[in-house]
Amino acid sequence: MILFLFAMVLYFLPTIIGHNKRGAAGIFLLNFFLGWTVIGWVIALVWACASDVRTPVLVLASHGRFCCLCGRLNPADARFCGACGRPA
């Protein structure tokens, strides 16, 4: 029984490693269907270990508005953009 559990953990090692990645479902499916082949298991493991670069979400707390033309931050009560002159 312990040998069976060890084999299952080893078989699903790529899925365990990549469970919090963006492509976690793809890693699981590749591991589940092609993990019995050595190359499918290795590809799933490499995919799970590859870096998952995500673009950071930047939230600015300000009391102003960004100009949709030039992107400059202007005061909230401004009627025109200070950089390009576009009406707010």
PDB file of N, CA and C in Angstrom:
ATOM      1  N   MET A   1       0.824  -1.188   0.000  1.00  0.00           N
ATOM      2  CA  MET A   1       0.000   0.000   0.000  1.00  0.00           C
ATOM      3  C   MET A   1       0.872   1.259   0.000  1.00  0.00           C
ATOM      4  N   ILE A   2       1.923   1.284   0.795  1.00  0.00           N
ATOM      5  CA  ILE A   2       2.805   2.444   0.851  1.00  0.00           C
ATOM      6  C   ILE A   2       3.556   2.593  -0.465  1.00  0.00           C
ATOM      7  N   LEU A   3       3.922   1.495  -1.073  1.00  0.00           N
ATOM      8  CA  LEU A   3       4.602   1.541  -2.371  1.00  0.00           C
ATOM      9  C   LEU A   3       3.685   2.129  -3.437  1.00  0.00           C
ATOM     10  N   PHE A   4       2.402   1.776  -3.386  1.00  0.00           N
ATOM     11  CA  PHE A   4       1.431   2.324  -4.331  1.00  0.00           C
ATOM     12  C   PHE A   4       1.278   3.834  -4.146  1.00  0.00           C
ATOM     13  N   LEU A   5       1.188   4.306  -2.907  1.00  0.00           N
ATOM     14  CA  LEU A   5       1.075   5.741  -2.647  1.00  0.00           C
ATOM     15  C   LEU A   5       2.327   6.492  -3.094  1.00  0.00           C
ATOM     16  N   PHE A   6       3.490   5.896  -2.848  1.00  0.00           N
ATOM     17  CA  PHE A   6       4.733   6.502  -3.301  1.00  0.00           C
ATOM     18  C   PHE A   6       4.773   6.598  -4.823  1.00  0.00           C
ATOM     19  N   ALA A   7       4.309   5.558  -5.510  1.00  0.00           N
ATOM     20  CA  ALA A   7       4.273   5.571  -6.972  1.00  0.00           C
ATOM     21  C   ALA A   7       3.312   6.633  -7.495  1.00  0.00           C
ATOM     22  N   MET A   8       2.168   6.826  -6.841  1.00  0.00           N
ATOM     23  CA  MET A   8       1.205   7.837  -7.266  1.00  0.00           C
ATOM     24  C   MET A   8       1.768   9.246  -7.060  1.00  0.00           C
ATOM     25  N   VAL A   9       2.439   9.455  -5.930  1.00  0.00           N
ATOM     26  CA  VAL A   9       3.039  10.767  -5.688  1.00  0.00           C
ATOM     27  C   VAL A   9       4.125  11.032  -6.714  1.00  0.00           C
ATOM     28  N   LEU A  10       4.933  10.038  -7.017  1.00  0.00           N
ATOM     29  CA  LEU A  10       5.992  10.196  -8.013  1.00  0.00           C
ATOM     30  C   LEU A  10       5.400  10.433  -9.401  1.00  0.00           C
ATOM     31  N   TYR A  11       4.334   9.723  -9.743  1.00  0.00           N
ATOM     32  CA  TYR A  11       3.698   9.881 -11.044  1.00  0.00           C
ATOM     33  C   TYR A  11       3.123  11.292 -11.202  1.00  0.00           C
ATOM     34  N   PHE A  12       2.482  11.803 -10.149  1.00  0.00           N
ATOM     35  CA  PHE A  12       1.851  13.116 -10.218  1.00  0.00           C
ATOM     36  C   PHE A  12       2.740  14.228  -9.664  1.00  0.00           C
ATOM     37  N   LEU A  13       4.026  14.001  -9.593  1.00  0.00           N
ATOM     38  CA  LEU A  13       4.959  15.010  -9.113  1.00  0.00           C
ATOM     39  C   LEU A  13       4.901  16.303  -9.934  1.00  0.00           C
ATOM     40  N   PRO A  14       4.838  16.257 -11.257  1.00  0.00           N
ATOM     41  CA  PRO A  14       4.703  17.512 -12.019  1.00  0.00           C
ATOM     42  C   PRO A  14       3.426  18.285 -11.668  1.00  0.00           C
ATOM     43  N   THR A  15       2.340  17.577 -11.446  1.00  0.00           N
ATOM     44  CA  THR A  15       1.088  18.236 -11.075  1.00  0.00           C
ATOM     45  C   THR A  15       1.199  18.857  -9.693  1.00  0.00           C
ATOM     46  N   ILE A  16       1.851  18.163  -8.779  1.00  0.00           N
ATOM     47  CA  ILE A  16       2.018  18.695  -7.420  1.00  0.00           C
ATOM     48  C   ILE A  16       2.890  19.942  -7.441  1.00  0.00           C
ATOM     49  N   ILE A  17       3.965  19.910  -8.222  1.00  0.00           N
ATOM     50  CA  ILE A  17       4.868  21.062  -8.294  1.00  0.00           C
ATOM     51  C   ILE A  17       4.186  22.253  -8.952  1.00  0.00           C
ATOM     52  N   GLY A  18       3.416  22.010 -10.002  1.00  0.00           N
ATOM     53  CA  GLY A  18       2.807  23.100 -10.757  1.00  0.00           C
ATOM     54  C   GLY A  18       1.382  23.422 -10.385  1.00  0.00           C
ATOM     55  N   HIS A  19       0.937  23.057  -9.199  1.00  0.00           N
ATOM     56  CA  HIS A  19      -0.467  23.263  -8.841  1.00  0.00           C
ATOM     57  C   HIS A  19      -0.863  24.731  -8.741  1.00  0.00           C
ATOM     58  N   ASN A  20       0.079  25.639  -8.521  1.00  0.00           N
ATOM     59  CA  ASN A  20      -0.287  27.056  -8.411  1.00  0.00           C
ATOM     60  C   ASN A  20       0.173  27.874  -9.612  1.00  0.00           C
ATOM     61  N   LYS A  21       0.484  27.228 -10.698  1.00  0.00           N
ATOM     62  CA  LYS A  21       0.911  27.910 -11.918  1.00  0.00           C
ATOM     63  C   LYS A  21      -0.296  28.323 -12.738  1.00  0.00           C
ATOM     64  N   ARG A  22      -0.043  29.200 -13.701  1.00  0.00           N
ATOM     65  CA  ARG A  22      -1.101  29.655 -14.595  1.00  0.00           C
ATOM     66  C   ARG A  22      -1.630  28.507 -15.455  1.00  0.00           C
ATOM     67  N   GLY A  23      -0.777  27.586 -15.875  1.00  0.00           N
ATOM     68  CA  GLY A  23      -1.182  26.459 -16.713  1.00  0.00           C
ATOM     69  C   GLY A  23      -1.353  25.177 -15.935  1.00  0.00           C
ATOM     70  N   ALA A  24      -1.866  25.260 -14.713  1.00  0.00           N
ATOM     71  CA  ALA A  24      -1.983  24.085 -13.848  1.00  0.00           C
ATOM     72  C   ALA A  24      -2.889  23.011 -14.460  1.00  0.00           C
ATOM     73  N   ALA A  25      -3.964  23.412 -15.109  1.00  0.00           N
ATOM     74  CA  ALA A  25      -4.866  22.429 -15.712  1.00  0.00           C
ATOM     75  C   ALA A  25      -4.180  21.705 -16.866  1.00  0.00           C
ATOM     76  N   GLY A  26      -3.409  22.421 -17.662  1.00  0.00           N
ATOM     77  CA  GLY A  26      -2.685  21.792 -18.764  1.00  0.00           C
ATOM     78  C   GLY A  26      -1.605  20.851 -18.262  1.00  0.00           C
ATOM     79  N   ILE A  27      -0.922  21.239 -17.198  1.00  0.00           N
ATOM     80  CA  ILE A  27       0.094  20.369 -16.612  1.00  0.00           C
ATOM     81  C   ILE A  27      -0.557  19.087 -16.114  1.00  0.00           C
ATOM     82  N   PHE A  28      -1.703  19.212 -15.446  1.00  0.00           N
ATOM     83  CA  PHE A  28      -2.408  18.030 -14.958  1.00  0.00           C
ATOM     84  C   PHE A  28      -2.843  17.123 -16.106  1.00  0.00           C
ATOM     85  N   LEU A  29      -3.428  17.711 -17.147  1.00  0.00           N
ATOM     86  CA  LEU A  29      -3.908  16.887 -18.260  1.00  0.00           C
ATOM     87  C   LEU A  29      -2.763  16.182 -18.980  1.00  0.00           C
ATOM     88  N   LEU A  30      -1.671  16.897 -19.205  1.00  0.00           N
ATOM     89  CA  LEU A  30      -0.509  16.273 -19.829  1.00  0.00           C
ATOM     90  C   LEU A  30       0.033  15.156 -18.956  1.00  0.00           C
ATOM     91  N   ASN A  31       0.126  15.417 -17.660  1.00  0.00           N
ATOM     92  CA  ASN A  31       0.628  14.416 -16.723  1.00  0.00           C
ATOM     93  C   ASN A  31      -0.310  13.216 -16.635  1.00  0.00           C
ATOM     94  N   PHE A  32      -1.604  13.462 -16.640  1.00  0.00           N
ATOM     95  CA  PHE A  32      -2.585  12.376 -16.511  1.00  0.00           C
ATOM     96  C   PHE A  32      -2.621  11.477 -17.737  1.00  0.00           C
ATOM     97  N   PHE A  33      -2.649  12.098 -18.931  1.00  0.00           N
ATOM     98  CA  PHE A  33      -2.807  11.305 -20.144  1.00  0.00           C
ATOM     99  C   PHE A  33      -1.488  10.800 -20.726  1.00  0.00           C
ATOM    100  N   LEU A  34      -0.414  11.572 -20.608  1.00  0.00           N
ATOM    101  CA  LEU A  34       0.853  11.156 -21.210  1.00  0.00           C
ATOM    102  C   LEU A  34       1.968  10.935 -20.197  1.00  0.00           C
ATOM    103  N   GLY A  35       1.629  10.977 -18.923  1.00  0.00           N
ATOM    104  CA  GLY A  35       2.644  10.785 -17.903  1.00  0.00           C
ATOM    105  C   GLY A  35       3.218   9.382 -17.883  1.00  0.00           C
ATOM    106  N   TRP A  36       2.479   8.407 -18.382  1.00  0.00           N
ATOM    107  CA  TRP A  36       2.980   7.033 -18.408  1.00  0.00           C
ATOM    108  C   TRP A  36       4.131   6.880 -19.387  1.00  0.00           C
ATOM    109  N   THR A  37       4.209   7.776 -20.376  1.00  0.00           N
ATOM    110  CA  THR A  37       5.378   7.778 -21.243  1.00  0.00           C
ATOM    111  C   THR A  37       6.435   8.623 -20.559  1.00  0.00           C
ATOM    112  N   VAL A  38       7.649   8.243 -20.669  1.00  0.00           N
ATOM    113  CA  VAL A  38       8.709   8.976 -19.980  1.00  0.00           C
ATOM    114  C   VAL A  38       8.798  10.399 -20.506  1.00  0.00           C
ATOM    115  N   ILE A  39       8.675  10.587 -21.802  1.00  0.00           N
ATOM    116  CA  ILE A  39       8.813  11.929 -22.369  1.00  0.00           C
ATOM    117  C   ILE A  39       7.651  12.830 -21.955  1.00  0.00           C
ATOM    118  N   GLY A  40       6.431  12.290 -21.849  1.00  0.00           N
ATOM    119  CA  GLY A  40       5.300  13.096 -21.391  1.00  0.00           C
ATOM    120  C   GLY A  40       5.472  13.532 -19.953  1.00  0.00           C
ATOM    121  N   TRP A  41       5.999  12.640 -19.123  1.00  0.00           N
ATOM    122  CA  TRP A  41       6.236  12.979 -17.722  1.00  0.00           C
ATOM    123  C   TRP A  41       7.319  14.040 -17.595  1.00  0.00           C
ATOM    124  N   VAL A  42       8.390  13.912 -18.387  1.00  0.00           N
ATOM    125  CA  VAL A  42       9.488  14.885 -18.337  1.00  0.00           C
ATOM    126  C   VAL A  42       9.014  16.246 -18.832  1.00  0.00           C
ATOM    127  N   ILE A  43       8.233  16.271 -19.900  1.00  0.00           N
ATOM    128  CA  ILE A  43       7.714  17.545 -20.412  1.00  0.00           C
ATOM    129  C   ILE A  43       6.811  18.211 -19.378  1.00  0.00           C
ATOM    130  N   ALA A  44       5.962  17.423 -18.722  1.00  0.00           N
ATOM    131  CA  ALA A  44       5.103  17.984 -17.676  1.00  0.00           C
ATOM    132  C   ALA A  44       5.932  18.506 -16.509  1.00  0.00           C
ATOM    133  N   LEU A  45       7.004  17.805 -16.165  1.00  0.00           N
ATOM    134  CA  LEU A  45       7.861  18.249 -15.071  1.00  0.00           C
ATOM    135  C   LEU A  45       8.589  19.539 -15.426  1.00  0.00           C
ATOM    136  N   VAL A  46       9.093  19.638 -16.645  1.00  0.00           N
ATOM    137  CA  VAL A  46       9.780  20.859 -17.082  1.00  0.00           C
ATOM    138  C   VAL A  46       8.797  22.024 -17.117  1.00  0.00           C
ATOM    139  N   TRP A  47       7.600  21.780 -17.595  1.00  0.00           N
ATOM    140  CA  TRP A  47       6.568  22.816 -17.642  1.00  0.00           C
ATOM    141  C   TRP A  47       6.209  23.275 -16.227  1.00  0.00           C
ATOM    142  N   ALA A  48       6.117  22.352 -15.298  1.00  0.00           N
ATOM    143  CA  ALA A  48       5.778  22.699 -13.922  1.00  0.00           C
ATOM    144  C   ALA A  48       6.903  23.469 -13.236  1.00  0.00           C
ATOM    145  N   CYS A  49       8.142  23.169 -13.603  1.00  0.00           N
ATOM    146  CA  CYS A  49       9.283  23.841 -12.970  1.00  0.00           C
ATOM    147  C   CYS A  49       9.644  25.160 -13.643  1.00  0.00           C
ATOM    148  N   ALA A  50       9.136  25.409 -14.836  1.00  0.00           N
ATOM    149  CA  ALA A  50       9.451  26.641 -15.555  1.00  0.00           C
ATOM    150  C   ALA A  50       8.883  27.832 -14.796  1.00  0.00           C
ATOM    151  N   SER A  51       9.570  28.961 -14.925  1.00  0.00           N
ATOM    152  CA  SER A  51       9.114  30.147 -14.196  1.00  0.00           C
ATOM    153  C   SER A  51       7.793  30.629 -14.775  1.00  0.00           C
ATOM    154  N   ASP A  52       6.962  31.091 -13.909  1.00  0.00           N
ATOM    155  CA  ASP A  52       5.647  31.590 -14.282  1.00  0.00           C
ATOM    156  C   ASP A  52       5.666  33.095 -14.116  1.00  0.00           C
ATOM    157  N   VAL A  53       6.039  33.807 -15.172  1.00  0.00           N
ATOM    158  CA  VAL A  53       6.171  35.259 -15.097  1.00  0.00           C
ATOM    159  C   VAL A  53       4.795  35.881 -15.275  1.00  0.00           C
ATOM    160  N   ARG A  54       4.394  36.608 -14.289  1.00  0.00           N
ATOM    161  CA  ARG A  54       3.115  37.303 -14.355  1.00  0.00           C
ATOM    162  C   ARG A  54       3.377  38.802 -14.318  1.00  0.00           C
ATOM    163  N   THR A  55       2.591  39.535 -15.032  1.00  0.00           N
ATOM    164  CA  THR A  55       2.749  40.979 -15.011  1.00  0.00           C
ATOM    165  C   THR A  55       2.119  41.513 -13.733  1.00  0.00           C
ATOM    166  N   PRO A  56       2.862  42.310 -12.995  1.00  0.00           N
ATOM    167  CA  PRO A  56       2.309  42.818 -11.732  1.00  0.00           C
ATOM    168  C   PRO A  56       1.194  43.824 -11.978  1.00  0.00           C
ATOM    169  N   VAL A  57       0.228  43.794 -11.104  1.00  0.00           N
ATOM    170  CA  VAL A  57      -0.868  44.748 -11.168  1.00  0.00           C
ATOM    171  C   VAL A  57      -0.503  45.902 -10.243  1.00  0.00           C
ATOM    172  N   LEU A  58      -0.451  47.078 -10.812  1.00  0.00           N
ATOM    173  CA  LEU A  58      -0.060  48.259 -10.059  1.00  0.00           C
ATOM    174  C   LEU A  58      -1.300  49.076  -9.753  1.00  0.00           C
ATOM    175  N   VAL A  59      -1.558  49.249  -8.495  1.00  0.00           N
ATOM    176  CA  VAL A  59      -2.702  50.039  -8.063  1.00  0.00           C
ATOM    177  C   VAL A  59      -2.163  51.270  -7.356  1.00  0.00           C
ATOM    178  N   LEU A  60      -2.495  52.413  -7.872  1.00  0.00           N
ATOM    179  CA  LEU A  60      -2.049  53.664  -7.268  1.00  0.00           C
ATOM    180  C   LEU A  60      -3.193  54.279  -6.475  1.00  0.00           C
ATOM    181  N   ALA A  61      -2.899  54.656  -5.280  1.00  0.00           N
ATOM    182  CA  ALA A  61      -3.879  55.362  -4.471  1.00  0.00           C
ATOM    183  C   ALA A  61      -3.605  56.851  -4.623  1.00  0.00           C
ATOM    184  N   SER A  62      -4.457  57.521  -5.346  1.00  0.00           N
ATOM    185  CA  SER A  62      -4.245  58.949  -5.569  1.00  0.00           C
ATOM    186  C   SER A  62      -5.585  59.657  -5.586  1.00  0.00           C
ATOM    187  N   HIS A  63      -5.488  60.933  -5.499  1.00  0.00           N
ATOM    188  CA  HIS A  63      -6.686  61.764  -5.544  1.00  0.00           C
ATOM    189  C   HIS A  63      -6.694  62.530  -6.863  1.00  0.00           C
ATOM    190  N   GLY A  64      -6.492  61.835  -7.929  1.00  0.00           N
ATOM    191  CA  GLY A  64      -6.449  62.466  -9.232  1.00  0.00           C
ATOM    192  C   GLY A  64      -6.969  61.539 -10.304  1.00  0.00           C
ATOM    193  N   ARG A  65      -6.854  62.010 -11.538  1.00  0.00           N
ATOM    194  CA  ARG A  65      -7.290  61.224 -12.687  1.00  0.00           C
ATOM    195  C   ARG A  65      -6.167  61.177 -13.704  1.00  0.00           C
ATOM    196  N   PHE A  66      -6.077  60.070 -14.400  1.00  0.00           N
ATOM    197  CA  PHE A  66      -5.095  59.931 -15.459  1.00  0.00           C
ATOM    198  C   PHE A  66      -5.700  60.390 -16.769  1.00  0.00           C
ATOM    199  N   CYS A  67      -4.905  61.092 -17.550  1.00  0.00           N
ATOM    200  CA  CYS A  67      -5.336  61.517 -18.884  1.00  0.00           C
ATOM    201  C   CYS A  67      -5.350  60.289 -19.783  1.00  0.00           C
ATOM    202  N   CYS A  68      -6.409  60.107 -20.531  1.00  0.00           N
ATOM    203  CA  CYS A  68      -6.494  58.940 -21.401  1.00  0.00           C
ATOM    204  C   CYS A  68      -5.680  59.122 -22.688  1.00  0.00           C
ATOM    205  N   LEU A  69      -5.197  60.324 -22.949  1.00  0.00           N
ATOM    206  CA  LEU A  69      -4.397  60.560 -24.137  1.00  0.00           C
ATOM    207  C   LEU A  69      -2.903  60.406 -23.854  1.00  0.00           C
ATOM    208  N   CYS A  70      -2.416  61.062 -22.797  1.00  0.00           N
ATOM    209  CA  CYS A  70      -0.972  61.024 -22.524  1.00  0.00           C
ATOM    210  C   CYS A  70      -0.612  60.219 -21.281  1.00  0.00           C
ATOM    211  N   GLY A  71      -1.587  59.922 -20.408  1.00  0.00           N
ATOM    212  CA  GLY A  71      -1.330  59.104 -19.237  1.00  0.00           C
ATOM    213  C   GLY A  71      -0.835  59.852 -18.019  1.00  0.00           C
ATOM    214  N   ARG A  72      -0.794  61.167 -18.069  1.00  0.00           N
ATOM    215  CA  ARG A  72      -0.294  61.950 -16.932  1.00  0.00           C
ATOM    216  C   ARG A  72      -1.350  62.020 -15.840  1.00  0.00           C
ATOM    217  N   LEU A  73      -0.905  61.974 -14.583  1.00  0.00           N
ATOM    218  CA  LEU A  73      -1.804  62.109 -13.443  1.00  0.00           C
ATOM    219  C   LEU A  73      -2.077  63.579 -13.201  1.00  0.00           C
ATOM    220  N   ASN A  74      -3.346  63.926 -13.200  1.00  0.00           N
ATOM    221  CA  ASN A  74      -3.782  65.307 -12.981  1.00  0.00           C
ATOM    222  C   ASN A  74      -4.622  65.367 -11.715  1.00  0.00           C
ATOM    223  N   PRO A  75      -4.735  66.541 -11.106  1.00  0.00           N
ATOM    224  CA  PRO A  75      -5.606  66.674  -9.929  1.00  0.00           C
ATOM    225  C   PRO A  75      -7.049  66.316 -10.289  1.00  0.00           C
ATOM    226  N   ALA A  76      -7.788  65.875  -9.287  1.00  0.00           N
ATOM    227  CA  ALA A  76      -9.158  65.417  -9.526  1.00  0.00           C
ATOM    228  C   ALA A  76     -10.061  66.542 -10.031  1.00  0.00           C
ATOM    229  N   ASP A  77      -9.783  67.777  -9.632  1.00  0.00           N
ATOM    230  CA  ASP A  77     -10.647  68.884 -10.038  1.00  0.00           C
ATOM    231  C   ASP A  77     -10.169  69.596 -11.304  1.00  0.00           C
ATOM    232  N   ALA A  78      -9.144  69.072 -11.959  1.00  0.00           N
ATOM    233  CA  ALA A  78      -8.621  69.710 -13.181  1.00  0.00           C
ATOM    234  C   ALA A  78      -9.604  69.514 -14.331  1.00  0.00           C
ATOM    235  N   ARG A  79      -9.790  70.574 -15.107  1.00  0.00           N
ATOM    236  CA  ARG A  79     -10.685  70.493 -16.265  1.00  0.00           C
ATOM    237  C   ARG A  79      -9.929  70.119 -17.538  1.00  0.00           C
ATOM    238  N   PHE A  80      -8.615  70.346 -17.554  1.00  0.00           N
ATOM    239  CA  PHE A  80      -7.782  70.030 -18.702  1.00  0.00           C
ATOM    240  C   PHE A  80      -6.522  69.320 -18.212  1.00  0.00           C
ATOM    241  N   CYS A  81      -5.952  68.505 -19.071  1.00  0.00           N
ATOM    242  CA  CYS A  81      -4.687  67.821 -18.758  1.00  0.00           C
ATOM    243  C   CYS A  81      -3.574  68.852 -18.769  1.00  0.00           C
ATOM    244  N   GLY A  82      -2.719  68.821 -17.762  1.00  0.00           N
ATOM    245  CA  GLY A  82      -1.620  69.766 -17.670  1.00  0.00           C
ATOM    246  C   GLY A  82      -0.518  69.521 -18.667  1.00  0.00           C
ATOM    247  N   ALA A  83      -0.463  68.313 -19.278  1.00  0.00           N
ATOM    248  CA  ALA A  83       0.603  67.983 -20.209  1.00  0.00           C
ATOM    249  C   ALA A  83       0.180  68.190 -21.667  1.00  0.00           C
ATOM    250  N   CYS A  84      -0.994  67.678 -22.009  1.00  0.00           N
ATOM    251  CA  CYS A  84      -1.399  67.736 -23.420  1.00  0.00           C
ATOM    252  C   CYS A  84      -2.569  68.679 -23.681  1.00  0.00           C
ATOM    253  N   GLY A  85      -3.238  69.140 -22.639  1.00  0.00           N
ATOM    254  CA  GLY A  85      -4.332  70.096 -22.810  1.00  0.00           C
ATOM    255  C   GLY A  85      -5.663  69.484 -23.156  1.00  0.00           C
ATOM    256  N   ARG A  86      -5.761  68.173 -23.161  1.00  0.00           N
ATOM    257  CA  ARG A  86      -7.024  67.504 -23.495  1.00  0.00           C
ATOM    258  C   ARG A  86      -8.054  67.761 -22.396  1.00  0.00           C
ATOM    259  N   PRO A  87      -9.304  68.031 -22.767  1.00  0.00           N
ATOM    260  CA  PRO A  87     -10.333  68.216 -21.730  1.00  0.00           C
ATOM    261  C   PRO A  87     -10.530  66.938 -20.912  1.00  0.00           C
ATOM    262  N   ALA A  88     -10.707  67.112 -19.619  1.00  0.00           N
ATOM    263  CA  ALA A  88     -10.850  65.969 -18.721  1.00  0.00           C
ATOM    264  C   ALA A  88     -12.236  65.390 -18.769  1.00  0.00           C
TER     265      ALA A  88
END
